[in-house]
């Protein structure tokens, strides 16, 4: 009878060890591997400022390559409102802004 209990205890111990290993691997992936993949995807552009305009509406300034884009976002679409060539100085004149007629919608 005691041998049967020992087998059950060993089986539960092994199962606990396997589940703990799975959780440890998930934690390592989330902590170390996933941030590397995310940063590789976002190279080339940067959100420099964001302003909430209301429920699910935002205004963003995005730097991409040598341009700054003013982007309006809603729940269903993104619109490029205007663009400017980036300069090395932190302040650029507003006279350089050009309107953009491009709109991207999510299906």
N, C-alpha and C. Protein backbone atom coordinates (compact mmCIF):
# COMPACT_ATOMS: atom_id res chain seq x y z
N UNK A 1 0.80 -1.18 0.00
CA UNK A 1 0.00 0.00 0.00
C UNK A 1 0.86 1.27 0.00
N UNK A 2 1.96 1.26 0.79
CA UNK A 2 2.83 2.42 0.84
C UNK A 2 3.53 2.66 -0.49
N UNK A 3 3.81 1.60 -1.23
CA UNK A 3 4.48 1.75 -2.53
C UNK A 3 3.58 2.50 -3.50
N UNK A 4 2.27 2.28 -3.42
CA UNK A 4 1.33 2.99 -4.28
C UNK A 4 1.31 4.48 -4.00
N UNK A 5 1.36 4.86 -2.70
CA UNK A 5 1.39 6.27 -2.33
C UNK A 5 2.69 6.93 -2.78
N UNK A 6 3.76 6.20 -2.69
CA UNK A 6 5.06 6.74 -3.11
C UNK A 6 5.09 7.03 -4.61
N UNK A 7 4.46 6.15 -5.38
CA UNK A 7 4.39 6.38 -6.83
C UNK A 7 3.56 7.62 -7.13
N UNK A 8 2.46 7.82 -6.42
CA UNK A 8 1.62 9.00 -6.63
C UNK A 8 2.39 10.28 -6.25
N UNK A 9 3.10 10.24 -5.14
CA UNK A 9 3.89 11.40 -4.70
C UNK A 9 4.97 11.71 -5.72
N UNK A 10 5.65 10.68 -6.23
CA UNK A 10 6.68 10.90 -7.25
C UNK A 10 6.08 11.48 -8.53
N UNK A 11 4.93 10.99 -8.94
CA UNK A 11 4.27 11.49 -10.14
C UNK A 11 3.86 12.95 -9.97
N UNK A 12 3.28 13.29 -8.83
CA UNK A 12 2.90 14.68 -8.57
C UNK A 12 4.12 15.59 -8.48
N UNK A 13 5.19 15.10 -7.90
CA UNK A 13 6.43 15.87 -7.83
C UNK A 13 7.00 16.13 -9.21
N UNK A 14 6.98 15.12 -10.06
CA UNK A 14 7.48 15.28 -11.43
C UNK A 14 6.61 16.25 -12.22
N UNK A 15 5.30 16.14 -12.06
CA UNK A 15 4.37 17.04 -12.74
C UNK A 15 4.60 18.49 -12.29
N UNK A 16 4.80 18.70 -11.01
CA UNK A 16 5.08 20.04 -10.49
C UNK A 16 6.37 20.59 -11.07
N UNK A 17 7.38 19.75 -11.17
CA UNK A 17 8.66 20.17 -11.74
C UNK A 17 8.52 20.56 -13.21
N UNK A 18 7.76 19.80 -13.98
CA UNK A 18 7.54 20.11 -15.40
C UNK A 18 6.78 21.43 -15.55
N UNK A 19 5.74 21.64 -14.75
CA UNK A 19 4.97 22.88 -14.83
C UNK A 19 5.82 24.08 -14.42
N UNK A 20 6.63 23.93 -13.38
CA UNK A 20 7.52 25.01 -12.95
C UNK A 20 8.54 25.34 -14.03
N UNK A 21 9.04 24.35 -14.73
CA UNK A 21 9.99 24.57 -15.83
C UNK A 21 9.33 25.34 -16.96
N UNK A 22 8.09 25.01 -17.30
CA UNK A 22 7.37 25.72 -18.36
C UNK A 22 7.18 27.18 -17.98
N UNK A 23 6.77 27.46 -16.74
CA UNK A 23 6.61 28.85 -16.30
C UNK A 23 7.94 29.59 -16.30
N UNK A 24 9.02 28.94 -15.90
CA UNK A 24 10.34 29.58 -15.89
C UNK A 24 10.78 29.92 -17.32
N UNK A 25 10.54 29.03 -18.26
CA UNK A 25 10.89 29.30 -19.66
C UNK A 25 10.06 30.45 -20.21
N UNK A 26 8.79 30.51 -19.87
CA UNK A 26 7.93 31.62 -20.32
C UNK A 26 8.42 32.94 -19.75
N UNK A 27 8.83 32.94 -18.49
CA UNK A 27 9.34 34.16 -17.88
C UNK A 27 10.63 34.62 -18.56
N UNK A 28 11.53 33.69 -18.84
CA UNK A 28 12.79 34.04 -19.53
C UNK A 28 12.49 34.60 -20.91
N UNK A 29 11.59 34.00 -21.64
CA UNK A 29 11.23 34.49 -22.98
C UNK A 29 10.67 35.91 -22.89
N UNK A 30 9.74 36.12 -21.97
CA UNK A 30 9.10 37.43 -21.84
C UNK A 30 10.10 38.49 -21.37
N UNK A 31 11.00 38.12 -20.50
CA UNK A 31 11.92 39.08 -19.91
C UNK A 31 13.10 39.43 -20.83
N UNK A 32 13.66 38.45 -21.54
CA UNK A 32 14.89 38.68 -22.28
C UNK A 32 14.74 38.60 -23.80
N UNK A 33 13.98 37.68 -24.32
CA UNK A 33 13.93 37.46 -25.76
C UNK A 33 12.93 38.38 -26.43
N UNK A 34 11.74 38.55 -25.90
CA UNK A 34 10.71 39.37 -26.52
C UNK A 34 11.12 40.84 -26.65
N UNK A 35 11.75 41.50 -25.66
CA UNK A 35 12.17 42.88 -25.87
C UNK A 35 13.16 43.05 -27.02
N UNK A 36 14.00 42.07 -27.26
CA UNK A 36 14.93 42.15 -28.39
C UNK A 36 14.19 42.13 -29.71
N UNK A 37 13.15 41.32 -29.81
CA UNK A 37 12.36 41.25 -31.04
C UNK A 37 11.58 42.53 -31.25
N UNK A 38 11.03 43.10 -30.19
CA UNK A 38 10.25 44.33 -30.30
C UNK A 38 11.12 45.49 -30.71
N UNK A 39 12.31 45.63 -30.14
CA UNK A 39 13.18 46.75 -30.48
C UNK A 39 13.68 46.65 -31.92
N UNK A 40 13.84 45.44 -32.43
CA UNK A 40 14.28 45.29 -33.82
C UNK A 40 13.20 45.74 -34.79
N UNK A 41 11.95 45.56 -34.43
CA UNK A 41 10.85 45.95 -35.31
C UNK A 41 10.69 47.47 -35.39
N UNK A 42 11.00 48.18 -34.32
CA UNK A 42 10.73 49.61 -34.27
C UNK A 42 11.92 50.46 -34.67
N UNK A 43 13.01 49.87 -35.13
CA UNK A 43 14.14 50.67 -35.57
C UNK A 43 13.74 51.46 -36.80
N UNK A 44 14.18 52.72 -36.86
CA UNK A 44 13.90 53.53 -38.02
C UNK A 44 12.85 54.59 -37.75
N UNK A 45 12.00 54.43 -36.76
CA UNK A 45 11.05 55.48 -36.43
C UNK A 45 10.93 55.61 -34.92
N UNK A 46 10.47 56.80 -34.52
CA UNK A 46 10.37 57.09 -33.10
C UNK A 46 9.22 58.05 -32.87
N UNK A 47 8.40 57.78 -31.87
CA UNK A 47 7.32 58.69 -31.50
C UNK A 47 7.92 59.70 -30.53
N UNK A 48 7.98 60.97 -30.96
CA UNK A 48 8.61 61.98 -30.11
C UNK A 48 7.62 62.67 -29.18
N UNK A 49 6.35 62.74 -29.56
CA UNK A 49 5.37 63.28 -28.63
C UNK A 49 3.99 62.75 -28.99
N UNK A 50 3.11 62.73 -27.99
CA UNK A 50 1.75 62.21 -28.17
C UNK A 50 0.81 63.02 -27.31
N UNK A 51 -0.34 63.35 -27.86
CA UNK A 51 -1.35 64.10 -27.13
C UNK A 51 -2.69 63.40 -27.28
N UNK A 52 -3.32 63.07 -26.16
CA UNK A 52 -4.66 62.50 -26.21
C UNK A 52 -5.66 63.61 -26.50
N UNK A 53 -6.57 63.36 -27.42
CA UNK A 53 -7.58 64.35 -27.80
C UNK A 53 -8.97 63.97 -27.34
N UNK A 54 -9.11 62.82 -26.77
CA UNK A 54 -10.41 62.36 -26.32
C UNK A 54 -10.43 60.84 -26.35
N UNK A 55 -11.63 60.31 -26.30
CA UNK A 55 -11.78 58.85 -26.30
C UNK A 55 -11.26 58.26 -27.61
N UNK A 56 -10.19 57.50 -27.51
CA UNK A 56 -9.60 56.76 -28.63
C UNK A 56 -9.13 57.67 -29.77
N UNK A 57 -8.74 58.92 -29.44
CA UNK A 57 -8.22 59.85 -30.44
C UNK A 57 -6.91 60.41 -29.94
N UNK A 58 -5.88 60.41 -30.82
CA UNK A 58 -4.55 60.88 -30.43
C UNK A 58 -3.93 61.67 -31.56
N UNK A 59 -3.02 62.53 -31.18
CA UNK A 59 -2.20 63.28 -32.12
C UNK A 59 -0.75 62.94 -31.80
N UNK A 60 0.02 62.50 -32.81
CA UNK A 60 1.40 62.04 -32.60
C UNK A 60 2.36 62.80 -33.49
N UNK A 61 3.56 63.02 -32.99
CA UNK A 61 4.67 63.49 -33.83
C UNK A 61 5.62 62.31 -33.93
N UNK A 62 5.84 61.83 -35.16
CA UNK A 62 6.65 60.65 -35.42
C UNK A 62 7.86 61.05 -36.25
N UNK A 63 9.05 60.64 -35.83
CA UNK A 63 10.25 60.85 -36.64
C UNK A 63 10.54 59.57 -37.39
N UNK A 64 10.70 59.69 -38.71
CA UNK A 64 11.00 58.55 -39.57
C UNK A 64 12.03 58.99 -40.58
N UNK A 65 13.18 58.30 -40.60
CA UNK A 65 14.31 58.65 -41.45
C UNK A 65 14.64 60.12 -41.24
N UNK A 66 14.49 60.98 -42.22
CA UNK A 66 14.85 62.39 -42.05
C UNK A 66 13.60 63.28 -42.01
N UNK A 67 12.46 62.71 -41.65
CA UNK A 67 11.22 63.49 -41.64
C UNK A 67 10.52 63.39 -40.29
N UNK A 68 9.77 64.42 -39.99
CA UNK A 68 8.83 64.39 -38.87
C UNK A 68 7.44 64.43 -39.45
N UNK A 69 6.57 63.57 -38.92
CA UNK A 69 5.20 63.48 -39.40
C UNK A 69 4.25 63.79 -38.26
N UNK A 70 3.24 64.62 -38.55
CA UNK A 70 2.16 64.85 -37.60
C UNK A 70 1.05 63.89 -38.00
N UNK A 71 0.71 62.96 -37.11
CA UNK A 71 -0.23 61.88 -37.41
C UNK A 71 -1.42 61.97 -36.47
N UNK A 72 -2.61 61.90 -37.04
CA UNK A 72 -3.83 61.83 -36.25
C UNK A 72 -4.32 60.40 -36.22
N UNK A 73 -4.68 59.92 -35.04
CA UNK A 73 -5.14 58.54 -34.90
C UNK A 73 -6.51 58.51 -34.27
N UNK A 74 -7.38 57.67 -34.81
CA UNK A 74 -8.66 57.38 -34.20
C UNK A 74 -8.76 55.88 -34.03
N UNK A 75 -9.89 55.41 -33.60
CA UNK A 75 -10.07 53.98 -33.39
C UNK A 75 -9.93 53.19 -34.69
N UNK A 76 -10.35 53.77 -35.83
CA UNK A 76 -10.39 53.04 -37.08
C UNK A 76 -9.42 53.52 -38.15
N UNK A 77 -8.72 54.61 -37.92
CA UNK A 77 -7.84 55.10 -38.99
C UNK A 77 -6.67 55.89 -38.44
N UNK A 78 -5.69 56.08 -39.32
CA UNK A 78 -4.53 56.93 -39.06
C UNK A 78 -4.39 57.85 -40.25
N UNK A 79 -4.19 59.14 -40.00
CA UNK A 79 -4.04 60.11 -41.07
C UNK A 79 -2.76 60.91 -40.87
N UNK A 80 -1.97 61.04 -41.92
CA UNK A 80 -0.81 61.90 -41.88
C UNK A 80 -1.31 63.31 -42.16
N UNK A 81 -1.20 64.19 -41.18
CA UNK A 81 -1.74 65.54 -41.31
C UNK A 81 -0.76 66.46 -42.02
N UNK A 82 0.53 66.36 -41.70
CA UNK A 82 1.54 67.14 -42.39
C UNK A 82 2.91 66.55 -42.08
N UNK A 83 3.92 67.00 -42.83
CA UNK A 83 5.27 66.49 -42.64
C UNK A 83 6.27 67.63 -42.72
N UNK A 84 7.45 67.41 -42.12
CA UNK A 84 8.53 68.39 -42.15
C UNK A 84 9.84 67.63 -42.23
N UNK A 85 10.81 68.21 -42.93
CA UNK A 85 12.14 67.63 -42.96
C UNK A 85 12.79 67.90 -41.61
N UNK A 86 13.36 66.89 -40.99
CA UNK A 86 14.01 67.07 -39.69
C UNK A 86 15.32 67.80 -39.86
N UNK A 87 15.62 68.64 -38.88
CA UNK A 87 16.92 69.31 -38.86
C UNK A 87 17.64 68.93 -37.58
N UNK A 88 18.89 69.31 -37.46
CA UNK A 88 19.65 68.97 -36.26
C UNK A 88 19.24 69.82 -35.07
N UNK A 89 18.65 70.98 -35.32
CA UNK A 89 18.23 71.84 -34.21
C UNK A 89 16.94 71.31 -33.61
N UNK A 90 16.76 71.44 -32.30
CA UNK A 90 15.55 70.90 -31.67
C UNK A 90 14.29 71.65 -32.05
N UNK A 91 14.41 72.92 -32.46
CA UNK A 91 13.22 73.67 -32.87
C UNK A 91 13.32 73.96 -34.35
N UNK A 92 12.26 73.67 -35.06
CA UNK A 92 12.19 73.94 -36.49
C UNK A 92 11.08 74.95 -36.71
N UNK A 93 11.20 75.73 -37.77
CA UNK A 93 10.15 76.71 -38.04
C UNK A 93 8.90 76.01 -38.54
N UNK A 94 7.76 76.53 -38.14
CA UNK A 94 6.50 75.93 -38.55
C UNK A 94 6.20 76.19 -40.02
N UNK A 95 6.92 77.13 -40.62
CA UNK A 95 6.70 77.42 -42.04
C UNK A 95 7.12 76.28 -42.94
N UNK A 96 7.93 75.34 -42.42
CA UNK A 96 8.40 74.22 -43.22
C UNK A 96 7.40 73.07 -43.29
N UNK A 97 6.33 73.14 -42.52
CA UNK A 97 5.34 72.05 -42.52
C UNK A 97 4.61 72.00 -43.84
N UNK A 98 4.40 70.80 -44.35
CA UNK A 98 3.68 70.59 -45.61
C UNK A 98 2.48 69.70 -45.34
N UNK A 99 1.30 70.05 -45.85
CA UNK A 99 0.14 69.17 -45.62
C UNK A 99 0.31 67.86 -46.38
N UNK A 100 -0.25 66.82 -45.81
CA UNK A 100 -0.20 65.49 -46.43
C UNK A 100 -1.62 65.04 -46.71
N UNK A 101 -1.83 64.46 -47.88
CA UNK A 101 -3.16 64.01 -48.26
C UNK A 101 -3.30 62.50 -48.16
N UNK A 102 -2.42 61.86 -47.40
CA UNK A 102 -2.43 60.41 -47.30
C UNK A 102 -3.26 59.99 -46.09
N UNK A 103 -4.00 58.92 -46.23
CA UNK A 103 -4.76 58.38 -45.11
C UNK A 103 -4.66 56.86 -45.14
N UNK A 104 -4.46 56.28 -43.97
CA UNK A 104 -4.37 54.82 -43.84
C UNK A 104 -5.52 54.37 -42.97
N UNK A 105 -6.32 53.44 -43.44
CA UNK A 105 -7.45 52.93 -42.67
C UNK A 105 -7.25 51.47 -42.36
N UNK A 106 -7.70 51.06 -41.17
CA UNK A 106 -7.65 49.65 -40.81
C UNK A 106 -8.89 48.98 -41.32
N UNK A 107 -8.74 47.77 -41.80
CA UNK A 107 -9.89 47.02 -42.30
C UNK A 107 -10.63 46.37 -41.19
